Amino acid sequence: MPEICPVCGLPKSICVCKTISREQQRIKVKLETRKWGRPVTIIEGLDGDKNELEQLARKLKALCASGGTVKNGIILLQGDHREKVKEVLLSMGHSEENIEVV
């Protein structure tokens, strides 16, 4: 007997909870300048546990060839990588109208 998802009630093999939650997320990608004028790309509004955010941060850091971290549910990347981050989020299945680039 397959495992049943407690949220949607479907078998876990065809569960749609992650897809639905991904479509409802309002993601904000913005640029801030920190100490000594260094640019930092900030990605906020992503739902998920700490491990999922760390995996996404690891993927973004590798694609952008920069350093970064995850703090309090926010991903910080060194440098201005707003467009690359948007492309990666779109390829992951997030909708374009839910991604705000500032």
PDB file of N, CA and C in Angstrom:
ATOM      1  N   MET A   1       0.848  -1.176   0.000  1.00  0.00           N
ATOM      2  CA  MET A   1       0.000   0.000   0.000  1.00  0.00           C
ATOM      3  C   MET A   1       0.895   1.241   0.000  1.00  0.00           C
ATOM      4  N   PRO A   2       0.677   2.131  -0.970  1.00  0.00           N
ATOM      5  CA  PRO A   2       1.529   3.326  -1.046  1.00  0.00           C
ATOM      6  C   PRO A   2       1.248   4.289   0.113  1.00  0.00           C
ATOM      7  N   GLU A   3       2.260   5.084   0.426  1.00  0.00           N
ATOM      8  CA  GLU A   3       2.097   6.082   1.479  1.00  0.00           C
ATOM      9  C   GLU A   3       1.180   7.199   0.990  1.00  0.00           C
ATOM     10  N   ILE A   4       0.378   7.723   1.888  1.00  0.00           N
ATOM     11  CA  ILE A   4      -0.581   8.777   1.562  1.00  0.00           C
ATOM     12  C   ILE A   4      -0.066  10.109   2.112  1.00  0.00           C
ATOM     13  N   CYS A   5      -0.157  11.155   1.313  1.00  0.00           N
ATOM     14  CA  CYS A   5       0.247  12.499   1.747  1.00  0.00           C
ATOM     15  C   CYS A   5      -0.788  13.019   2.748  1.00  0.00           C
ATOM     16  N   PRO A   6      -0.347  13.495   3.913  1.00  0.00           N
ATOM     17  CA  PRO A   6      -1.306  13.989   4.903  1.00  0.00           C
ATOM     18  C   PRO A   6      -1.976  15.299   4.507  1.00  0.00           C
ATOM     19  N   VAL A   7      -1.406  16.029   3.564  1.00  0.00           N
ATOM     20  CA  VAL A   7      -1.958  17.333   3.174  1.00  0.00           C
ATOM     21  C   VAL A   7      -3.035  17.199   2.107  1.00  0.00           C
ATOM     22  N   CYS A   8      -2.692  16.524   0.994  1.00  0.00           N
ATOM     23  CA  CYS A   8      -3.642  16.457  -0.127  1.00  0.00           C
ATOM     24  C   CYS A   8      -4.408  15.137  -0.189  1.00  0.00           C
ATOM     25  N   GLY A   9      -3.955  14.105   0.520  1.00  0.00           N
ATOM     26  CA  GLY A   9      -4.657  12.835   0.535  1.00  0.00           C
ATOM     27  C   GLY A   9      -4.362  11.927  -0.644  1.00  0.00           C
ATOM     28  N   LEU A  10      -3.444  12.325  -1.521  1.00  0.00           N
ATOM     29  CA  LEU A  10      -3.059  11.510  -2.670  1.00  0.00           C
ATOM     30  C   LEU A  10      -1.866  10.637  -2.306  1.00  0.00           C
ATOM     31  N   PRO A  11      -1.638   9.558  -3.067  1.00  0.00           N
ATOM     32  CA  PRO A  11      -0.413   8.790  -2.843  1.00  0.00           C
ATOM     33  C   PRO A  11       0.812   9.680  -3.065  1.00  0.00           C
ATOM     34  N   LYS A  12       1.867   9.447  -2.290  1.00  0.00           N
ATOM     35  CA  LYS A  12       3.050  10.313  -2.354  1.00  0.00           C
ATOM     36  C   LYS A  12       3.699  10.322  -3.729  1.00  0.00           C
ATOM     37  N   SER A  13       3.507   9.275  -4.525  1.00  0.00           N
ATOM     38  CA  SER A  13       4.107   9.232  -5.859  1.00  0.00           C
ATOM     39  C   SER A  13       3.484  10.253  -6.810  1.00  0.00           C
ATOM     40  N   ILE A  14       2.233  10.657  -6.572  1.00  0.00           N
ATOM     41  CA  ILE A  14       1.576  11.649  -7.436  1.00  0.00           C
ATOM     42  C   ILE A  14       1.138  12.884  -6.655  1.00  0.00           C
ATOM     43  N   CYS A  15       1.722  13.116  -5.497  1.00  0.00           N
ATOM     44  CA  CYS A  15       1.371  14.255  -4.640  1.00  0.00           C
ATOM     45  C   CYS A  15       1.648  15.576  -5.373  1.00  0.00           C
ATOM     46  N   VAL A  16       0.739  16.517  -5.253  1.00  0.00           N
ATOM     47  CA  VAL A  16       0.866  17.805  -5.933  1.00  0.00           C
ATOM     48  C   VAL A  16       1.076  18.961  -4.957  1.00  0.00           C
ATOM     49  N   CYS A  17       1.320  18.674  -3.717  1.00  0.00           N
ATOM     50  CA  CYS A  17       1.460  19.727  -2.695  1.00  0.00           C
ATOM     51  C   CYS A  17       2.617  20.670  -2.999  1.00  0.00           C
ATOM     52  N   LYS A  18       3.775  20.115  -3.385  1.00  0.00           N
ATOM     53  CA  LYS A  18       4.930  20.975  -3.668  1.00  0.00           C
ATOM     54  C   LYS A  18       4.685  21.850  -4.884  1.00  0.00           C
ATOM     55  N   THR A  19       4.028  21.325  -5.898  1.00  0.00           N
ATOM     56  CA  THR A  19       3.735  22.110  -7.088  1.00  0.00           C
ATOM     57  C   THR A  19       2.789  23.253  -6.759  1.00  0.00           C
ATOM     58  N   ILE A  20       1.773  22.973  -5.983  1.00  0.00           N
ATOM     59  CA  ILE A  20       0.809  24.007  -5.610  1.00  0.00           C
ATOM     60  C   ILE A  20       1.471  25.071  -4.750  1.00  0.00           C
ATOM     61  N   SER A  21       2.272  24.660  -3.779  1.00  0.00           N
ATOM     62  CA  SER A  21       2.926  25.643  -2.917  1.00  0.00           C
ATOM     63  C   SER A  21       3.937  26.462  -3.706  1.00  0.00           C
ATOM     64  N   ARG A  22       4.592  25.855  -4.676  1.00  0.00           N
ATOM     65  CA  ARG A  22       5.558  26.579  -5.508  1.00  0.00           C
ATOM     66  C   ARG A  22       4.856  27.654  -6.338  1.00  0.00           C
ATOM     67  N   GLU A  23       3.638  27.362  -6.803  1.00  0.00           N
ATOM     68  CA  GLU A  23       2.895  28.326  -7.606  1.00  0.00           C
ATOM     69  C   GLU A  23       2.387  29.497  -6.774  1.00  0.00           C
ATOM     70  N   GLN A  24       2.222  29.306  -5.468  1.00  0.00           N
ATOM     71  CA  GLN A  24       1.670  30.350  -4.612  1.00  0.00           C
ATOM     72  C   GLN A  24       2.728  31.206  -3.939  1.00  0.00           C
ATOM     73  N   GLN A  25       4.006  30.859  -4.067  1.00  0.00           N
ATOM     74  CA  GLN A  25       5.059  31.627  -3.418  1.00  0.00           C
ATOM     75  C   GLN A  25       5.268  32.968  -4.103  1.00  0.00           C
ATOM     76  N   ARG A  26       5.462  34.007  -3.313  1.00  0.00           N
ATOM     77  CA  ARG A  26       5.787  35.336  -3.815  1.00  0.00           C
ATOM     78  C   ARG A  26       7.259  35.561  -3.508  1.00  0.00           C
ATOM     79  N   ILE A  27       8.103  35.442  -4.522  1.00  0.00           N
ATOM     80  CA  ILE A  27       9.550  35.504  -4.347  1.00  0.00           C
ATOM     81  C   ILE A  27      10.038  36.901  -4.724  1.00  0.00           C
ATOM     82  N   LYS A  28      10.889  37.454  -3.871  1.00  0.00           N
ATOM     83  CA  LYS A  28      11.447  38.778  -4.113  1.00  0.00           C
ATOM     84  C   LYS A  28      12.964  38.640  -4.221  1.00  0.00           C
ATOM     85  N   VAL A  29      13.510  39.071  -5.359  1.00  0.00           N
ATOM     86  CA  VAL A  29      14.949  39.053  -5.595  1.00  0.00           C
ATOM     87  C   VAL A  29      15.388  40.506  -5.664  1.00  0.00           C
ATOM     88  N   LYS A  30      16.231  40.913  -4.718  1.00  0.00           N
ATOM     89  CA  LYS A  30      16.625  42.317  -4.695  1.00  0.00           C
ATOM     90  C   LYS A  30      18.118  42.460  -4.468  1.00  0.00           C
ATOM     91  N   LEU A  31      18.617  43.668  -4.715  1.00  0.00           N
ATOM     92  CA  LEU A  31      20.028  43.975  -4.571  1.00  0.00           C
ATOM     93  C   LEU A  31      20.201  45.002  -3.466  1.00  0.00           C
ATOM     94  N   GLU A  32      21.134  44.726  -2.572  1.00  0.00           N
ATOM     95  CA  GLU A  32      21.487  45.676  -1.530  1.00  0.00           C
ATOM     96  C   GLU A  32      22.985  45.892  -1.577  1.00  0.00           C
ATOM     97  N   THR A  33      23.413  47.057  -1.157  1.00  0.00           N
ATOM     98  CA  THR A  33      24.844  47.287  -1.015  1.00  0.00           C
ATOM     99  C   THR A  33      25.170  47.253   0.464  1.00  0.00           C
ATOM    100  N   ARG A  34      26.181  46.516   0.781  1.00  0.00           N
ATOM    101  CA  ARG A  34      26.603  46.339   2.161  1.00  0.00           C
ATOM    102  C   ARG A  34      27.846  47.175   2.416  1.00  0.00           C
ATOM    103  N   LYS A  35      28.541  46.810   3.445  1.00  0.00           N
ATOM    104  CA  LYS A  35      29.738  47.507   3.869  1.00  0.00           C
ATOM    105  C   LYS A  35      30.703  47.727   2.705  1.00  0.00           C
ATOM    106  N   TRP A  36      31.253  48.915   2.603  1.00  0.00           N
ATOM    107  CA  TRP A  36      32.203  49.311   1.572  1.00  0.00           C
ATOM    108  C   TRP A  36      31.642  49.187   0.161  1.00  0.00           C
ATOM    109  N   GLY A  37      30.322  49.289   0.014  1.00  0.00           N
ATOM    110  CA  GLY A  37      29.687  49.304  -1.296  1.00  0.00           C
ATOM    111  C   GLY A  37      29.616  47.970  -2.009  1.00  0.00           C
ATOM    112  N   ARG A  38      29.763  46.872  -1.293  1.00  0.00           N
ATOM    113  CA  ARG A  38      29.702  45.553  -1.923  1.00  0.00           C
ATOM    114  C   ARG A  38      28.253  45.179  -2.223  1.00  0.00           C
ATOM    115  N   PRO A  39      27.958  44.748  -3.449  1.00  0.00           N
ATOM    116  CA  PRO A  39      26.587  44.339  -3.776  1.00  0.00           C
ATOM    117  C   PRO A  39      26.281  42.935  -3.242  1.00  0.00           C
ATOM    118  N   VAL A  40      25.044  42.753  -2.767  1.00  0.00           N
ATOM    119  CA  VAL A  40      24.575  41.462  -2.269  1.00  0.00           C
ATOM    120  C   VAL A  40      23.193  41.208  -2.852  1.00  0.00           C
ATOM    121  N   THR A  41      23.004  40.056  -3.479  1.00  0.00           N
ATOM    122  CA  THR A  41      21.696  39.661  -4.004  1.00  0.00           C
ATOM    123  C   THR A  41      20.956  38.916  -2.908  1.00  0.00           C
ATOM    124  N   ILE A  42      19.720  39.342  -2.632  1.00  0.00           N
ATOM    125  CA  ILE A  42      18.910  38.750  -1.566  1.00  0.00           C
ATOM    126  C   ILE A  42      17.682  38.103  -2.179  1.00  0.00           C
ATOM    127  N   ILE A  43      17.447  36.829  -1.847  1.00  0.00           N
ATOM    128  CA  ILE A  43      16.273  36.092  -2.327  1.00  0.00           C
ATOM    129  C   ILE A  43      15.420  35.766  -1.118  1.00  0.00           C
ATOM    130  N   GLU A  44      14.223  36.341  -1.043  1.00  0.00           N
ATOM    131  CA  GLU A  44      13.319  36.072   0.075  1.00  0.00           C
ATOM    132  C   GLU A  44      11.971  35.609  -0.438  1.00  0.00           C
ATOM    133  N   GLY A  45      11.237  34.946   0.438  1.00  0.00           N
ATOM    134  CA  GLY A  45       9.899  34.482   0.100  1.00  0.00           C
ATOM    135  C   GLY A  45       9.837  33.029  -0.317  1.00  0.00           C
ATOM    136  N   LEU A  46      10.950  32.330  -0.277  1.00  0.00           N
ATOM    137  CA  LEU A  46      10.945  30.909  -0.626  1.00  0.00           C
ATOM    138  C   LEU A  46      10.518  30.091   0.580  1.00  0.00           C
ATOM    139  N   ASP A  47       9.552  29.211   0.373  1.00  0.00           N
ATOM    140  CA  ASP A  47       9.130  28.307   1.427  1.00  0.00           C
ATOM    141  C   ASP A  47       9.946  27.034   1.329  1.00  0.00           C
ATOM    142  N   GLY A  48      10.090  26.384   2.420  1.00  0.00           N
ATOM    143  CA  GLY A  48      10.820  25.122   2.442  1.00  0.00           C
ATOM    144  C   GLY A  48      11.630  25.026   3.710  1.00  0.00           C
ATOM    145  N   ASP A  49      12.077  23.820   3.983  1.00  0.00           N
ATOM    146  CA  ASP A  49      12.883  23.660   5.187  1.00  0.00           C
ATOM    147  C   ASP A  49      14.316  24.111   4.915  1.00  0.00           C
ATOM    148  N   LYS A  50      15.107  24.096   5.963  1.00  0.00           N
ATOM    149  CA  LYS A  50      16.471  24.609   5.875  1.00  0.00           C
ATOM    150  C   LYS A  50      17.301  23.831   4.860  1.00  0.00           C
ATOM    151  N   ASN A  51      17.105  22.522   4.786  1.00  0.00           N
ATOM    152  CA  ASN A  51      17.883  21.709   3.842  1.00  0.00           C
ATOM    153  C   ASN A  51      17.582  22.068   2.398  1.00  0.00           C
ATOM    154  N   GLU A  52      16.314  22.292   2.071  1.00  0.00           N
ATOM    155  CA  GLU A  52      15.945  22.663   0.705  1.00  0.00           C
ATOM    156  C   GLU A  52      16.545  24.009   0.326  1.00  0.00           C
ATOM    157  N   LEU A  53      16.496  24.977   1.253  1.00  0.00           N
ATOM    158  CA  LEU A  53      17.072  26.284   0.973  1.00  0.00           C
ATOM    159  C   LEU A  53      18.589  26.192   0.811  1.00  0.00           C
ATOM    160  N   GLU A  54      19.240  25.375   1.617  1.00  0.00           N
ATOM    161  CA  GLU A  54      20.690  25.219   1.498  1.00  0.00           C
ATOM    162  C   GLU A  54      21.069  24.565   0.177  1.00  0.00           C
ATOM    163  N   GLN A  55      20.270  23.596  -0.279  1.00  0.00           N
ATOM    164  CA  GLN A  55      20.543  22.972  -1.582  1.00  0.00           C
ATOM    165  C   GLN A  55      20.371  23.971  -2.711  1.00  0.00           C
ATOM    166  N   LEU A  56      19.319  24.792  -2.640  1.00  0.00           N
ATOM    167  CA  LEU A  56      19.110  25.814  -3.662  1.00  0.00           C
ATOM    168  C   LEU A  56      20.237  26.838  -3.625  1.00  0.00           C
ATOM    169  N   ALA A  57      20.655  27.243  -2.435  1.00  0.00           N
ATOM    170  CA  ALA A  57      21.753  28.203  -2.307  1.00  0.00           C
ATOM    171  C   ALA A  57      23.042  27.613  -2.895  1.00  0.00           C
ATOM    172  N   ARG A  58      23.285  26.340  -2.644  1.00  0.00           N
ATOM    173  CA  ARG A  58      24.483  25.687  -3.183  1.00  0.00           C
ATOM    174  C   ARG A  58      24.445  25.697  -4.710  1.00  0.00           C
ATOM    175  N   LYS A  59      23.273  25.421  -5.280  1.00  0.00           N
ATOM    176  CA  LYS A  59      23.116  25.417  -6.740  1.00  0.00           C
ATOM    177  C   LYS A  59      23.334  26.820  -7.309  1.00  0.00           C
ATOM    178  N   LEU A  60      22.742  27.836  -6.661  1.00  0.00           N
ATOM    179  CA  LEU A  60      22.890  29.213  -7.131  1.00  0.00           C
ATOM    180  C   LEU A  60      24.336  29.690  -7.015  1.00  0.00           C
ATOM    181  N   LYS A  61      24.998  29.332  -5.932  1.00  0.00           N
ATOM    182  CA  LYS A  61      26.392  29.742  -5.756  1.00  0.00           C
ATOM    183  C   LYS A  61      27.279  29.130  -6.841  1.00  0.00           C
ATOM    184  N   ALA A  62      27.005  27.893  -7.200  1.00  0.00           N
ATOM    185  CA  ALA A  62      27.797  27.240  -8.242  1.00  0.00           C
ATOM    186  C   ALA A  62      27.538  27.878  -9.610  1.00  0.00           C
ATOM    187  N   LEU A  63      26.282  28.187  -9.918  1.00  0.00           N
ATOM    188  CA  LEU A  63      25.949  28.781 -11.215  1.00  0.00           C
ATOM    189  C   LEU A  63      26.452  30.221 -11.335  1.00  0.00           C
ATOM    190  N   CYS A  64      26.443  30.950 -10.229  1.00  0.00           N
ATOM    191  CA  CYS A  64      26.870  32.353 -10.254  1.00  0.00           C
ATOM    192  C   CYS A  64      28.354  32.513  -9.944  1.00  0.00           C
ATOM    193  N   ALA A  65      29.018  31.430  -9.559  1.00  0.00           N
ATOM    194  CA  ALA A  65      30.439  31.459  -9.198  1.00  0.00           C
ATOM    195  C   ALA A  65      30.701  32.521  -8.143  1.00  0.00           C
ATOM    196  N   SER A  66      29.922  32.447  -7.061  1.00  0.00           N
ATOM    197  CA  SER A  66      30.079  33.414  -5.980  1.00  0.00           C
ATOM    198  C   SER A  66      29.850  32.726  -4.647  1.00  0.00           C
ATOM    199  N   GLY A  67      30.098  33.456  -3.588  1.00  0.00           N
ATOM    200  CA  GLY A  67      29.846  32.948  -2.251  1.00  0.00           C
ATOM    201  C   GLY A  67      28.448  33.324  -1.818  1.00  0.00           C
ATOM    202  N   GLY A  68      28.015  32.771  -0.714  1.00  0.00           N
ATOM    203  CA  GLY A  68      26.700  33.096  -0.210  1.00  0.00           C
ATOM    204  C   GLY A  68      26.360  32.249   0.995  1.00  0.00           C
ATOM    205  N   THR A  69      25.160  32.487   1.531  1.00  0.00           N
ATOM    206  CA  THR A  69      24.713  31.776   2.712  1.00  0.00           C
ATOM    207  C   THR A  69      23.192  31.793   2.798  1.00  0.00           C
ATOM    208  N   VAL A  70      22.670  31.022   3.752  1.00  0.00           N
ATOM    209  CA  VAL A  70      21.240  31.020   4.067  1.00  0.00           C
ATOM    210  C   VAL A  70      21.105  31.464   5.514  1.00  0.00           C
ATOM    211  N   LYS A  71      20.330  32.530   5.745  1.00  0.00           N
ATOM    212  CA  LYS A  71      20.087  33.018   7.101  1.00  0.00           C
ATOM    213  C   LYS A  71      18.608  33.353   7.250  1.00  0.00           C
ATOM    214  N   ASN A  72      17.974  32.783   8.261  1.00  0.00           N
ATOM    215  CA  ASN A  72      16.580  33.079   8.597  1.00  0.00           C
ATOM    216  C   ASN A  72      15.634  32.931   7.407  1.00  0.00           C
ATOM    217  N   GLY A  73      15.835  31.918   6.581  1.00  0.00           N
ATOM    218  CA  GLY A  73      14.960  31.669   5.443  1.00  0.00           C
ATOM    219  C   GLY A  73      15.221  32.572   4.254  1.00  0.00           C
ATOM    220  N   ILE A  74      16.328  33.309   4.266  1.00  0.00           N
ATOM    221  CA  ILE A  74      16.698  34.215   3.177  1.00  0.00           C
ATOM    222  C   ILE A  74      18.034  33.753   2.616  1.00  0.00           C
ATOM    223  N   ILE A  75      18.145  33.729   1.273  1.00  0.00           N
ATOM    224  CA  ILE A  75      19.393  33.353   0.630  1.00  0.00           C
ATOM    225  C   ILE A  75      20.141  34.625   0.260  1.00  0.00           C
ATOM    226  N   LEU A  76      21.405  34.716   0.652  1.00  0.00           N
ATOM    227  CA  LEU A  76      22.264  35.853   0.344  1.00  0.00           C
ATOM    228  C   LEU A  76      23.373  35.388  -0.586  1.00  0.00           C
ATOM    229  N   LEU A  77      23.554  36.091  -1.711  1.00  0.00           N
ATOM    230  CA  LEU A  77      24.623  35.783  -2.659  1.00  0.00           C
ATOM    231  C   LEU A  77      25.507  37.017  -2.816  1.00  0.00           C
ATOM    232  N   GLN A  78      26.800  36.809  -2.844  1.00  0.00           N
ATOM    233  CA  GLN A  78      27.720  37.921  -3.034  1.00  0.00           C
ATOM    234  C   GLN A  78      27.700  38.345  -4.489  1.00  0.00           C
ATOM    235  N   GLY A  79      27.480  39.627  -4.745  1.00  0.00           N
ATOM    236  CA  GLY A  79      27.472  40.155  -6.103  1.00  0.00           C
ATOM    237  C   GLY A  79      26.053  40.367  -6.622  1.00  0.00           C
ATOM    238  N   ASP A  80      25.961  40.951  -7.812  1.00  0.00           N
ATOM    239  CA  ASP A  80      24.676  41.235  -8.445  1.00  0.00           C
ATOM    240  C   ASP A  80      24.343  40.096  -9.411  1.00  0.00           C
ATOM    241  N   HIS A  81      23.433  39.215  -9.008  1.00  0.00           N
ATOM    242  CA  HIS A  81      23.070  38.045  -9.817  1.00  0.00           C
ATOM    243  C   HIS A  81      21.557  37.941  -9.977  1.00  0.00           C
ATOM    244  N   ARG A  82      20.873  39.052 -10.028  1.00  0.00           N
ATOM    245  CA  ARG A  82      19.406  39.036 -10.053  1.00  0.00           C
ATOM    246  C   ARG A  82      18.848  38.308 -11.261  1.00  0.00           C
ATOM    247  N   GLU A  83      19.387  38.550 -12.446  1.00  0.00           N
ATOM    248  CA  GLU A  83      18.842  37.925 -13.661  1.00  0.00           C
ATOM    249  C   GLU A  83      19.126  36.423 -13.693  1.00  0.00           C
ATOM    250  N   LYS A  84      20.322  36.001 -13.266  1.00  0.00           N
ATOM    251  CA  LYS A  84      20.641  34.576 -13.232  1.00  0.00           C
ATOM    252  C   LYS A  84      19.729  33.847 -12.248  1.00  0.00           C
ATOM    253  N   VAL A  85      19.488  34.477 -11.097  1.00  0.00           N
ATOM    254  CA  VAL A  85      18.623  33.863 -10.088  1.00  0.00           C
ATOM    255  C   VAL A  85      17.208  33.706 -10.641  1.00  0.00           C
ATOM    256  N   LYS A  86      16.728  34.722 -11.344  1.00  0.00           N
ATOM    257  CA  LYS A  86      15.379  34.648 -11.917  1.00  0.00           C
ATOM    258  C   LYS A  86      15.288  33.502 -12.928  1.00  0.00           C
ATOM    259  N   GLU A  87      16.309  33.355 -13.770  1.00  0.00           N
ATOM    260  CA  GLU A  87      16.308  32.276 -14.757  1.00  0.00           C
ATOM    261  C   GLU A  87      16.284  30.908 -14.082  1.00  0.00           C
ATOM    262  N   VAL A  88      17.056  30.749 -13.006  1.00  0.00           N
ATOM    263  CA  VAL A  88      17.097  29.463 -12.293  1.00  0.00           C
ATOM    264  C   VAL A  88      15.741  29.169 -11.664  1.00  0.00           C
ATOM    265  N   LEU A  89      15.128  30.185 -11.039  1.00  0.00           N
ATOM    266  CA  LEU A  89      13.822  29.984 -10.412  1.00  0.00           C
ATOM    267  C   LEU A  89      12.754  29.636 -11.443  1.00  0.00           C
ATOM    268  N   LEU A  90      12.826  30.256 -12.616  1.00  0.00           N
ATOM    269  CA  LEU A  90      11.878  29.928 -13.685  1.00  0.00           C
ATOM    270  C   LEU A  90      12.074  28.493 -14.165  1.00  0.00           C
ATOM    271  N   SER A  91      13.328  28.046 -14.266  1.00  0.00           N
ATOM    272  CA  SER A  91      13.587  26.685 -14.715  1.00  0.00           C
ATOM    273  C   SER A  91      13.154  25.655 -13.669  1.00  0.00           C
ATOM    274  N   MET A  92      13.046  26.082 -12.401  1.00  0.00           N
ATOM    275  CA  MET A  92      12.598  25.178 -11.342  1.00  0.00           C
ATOM    276  C   MET A  92      11.080  25.053 -11.291  1.00  0.00           C
ATOM    277  N   GLY A  93      10.366  25.875 -12.046  1.00  0.00           N
ATOM    278  CA  GLY A  93       8.919  25.756 -12.098  1.00  0.00           C
ATOM    279  C   GLY A  93       8.154  26.875 -11.421  1.00  0.00           C
ATOM    280  N   HIS A  94       8.845  27.876 -10.928  1.00  0.00           N
ATOM    281  CA  HIS A  94       8.145  29.021 -10.345  1.00  0.00           C
ATOM    282  C   HIS A  94       7.600  29.883 -11.478  1.00  0.00           C
ATOM    283  N   SER A  95       6.436  30.490 -11.260  1.00  0.00           N
ATOM    284  CA  SER A  95       5.837  31.295 -12.321  1.00  0.00           C
ATOM    285  C   SER A  95       6.458  32.690 -12.337  1.00  0.00           C
ATOM    286  N   GLU A  96       6.539  33.255 -13.537  1.00  0.00           N
ATOM    287  CA  GLU A  96       7.218  34.542 -13.716  1.00  0.00           C
ATOM    288  C   GLU A  96       6.508  35.685 -13.003  1.00  0.00           C
ATOM    289  N   GLU A  97       5.187  35.626 -12.921  1.00  0.00           N
ATOM    290  CA  GLU A  97       4.463  36.719 -12.254  1.00  0.00           C
ATOM    291  C   GLU A  97       4.636  36.699 -10.739  1.00  0.00           C
ATOM    292  N   ASN A  98       5.110  35.585 -10.184  1.00  0.00           N
ATOM    293  CA  ASN A  98       5.342  35.503  -8.747  1.00  0.00           C
ATOM    294  C   ASN A  98       6.776  35.845  -8.358  1.00  0.00           C
ATOM    295  N   ILE A  99       7.635  36.133  -9.336  1.00  0.00           N
ATOM    296  CA  ILE A  99       9.009  36.500  -9.047  1.00  0.00           C
ATOM    297  C   ILE A  99       9.168  38.005  -9.302  1.00  0.00           C
ATOM    298  N   GLU A 100       9.488  38.734  -8.250  1.00  0.00           N
ATOM    299  CA  GLU A 100       9.671  40.183  -8.359  1.00  0.00           C
ATOM    300  C   GLU A 100      11.154  40.486  -8.243  1.00  0.00           C
ATOM    301  N   VAL A 101      11.700  41.110  -9.294  1.00  0.00           N
ATOM    302  CA  VAL A 101      13.115  41.486  -9.295  1.00  0.00           C
ATOM    303  C   VAL A 101      13.181  42.981  -9.076  1.00  0.00           C
ATOM    304  N   VAL A 102      13.884  43.377  -8.014  1.00  0.00           N
ATOM    305  CA  VAL A 102      13.989  44.794  -7.658  1.00  0.00           C
ATOM    306  C   VAL A 102      15.427  45.219  -7.783  1.00  0.00           C
TER     307      VAL A 102
END
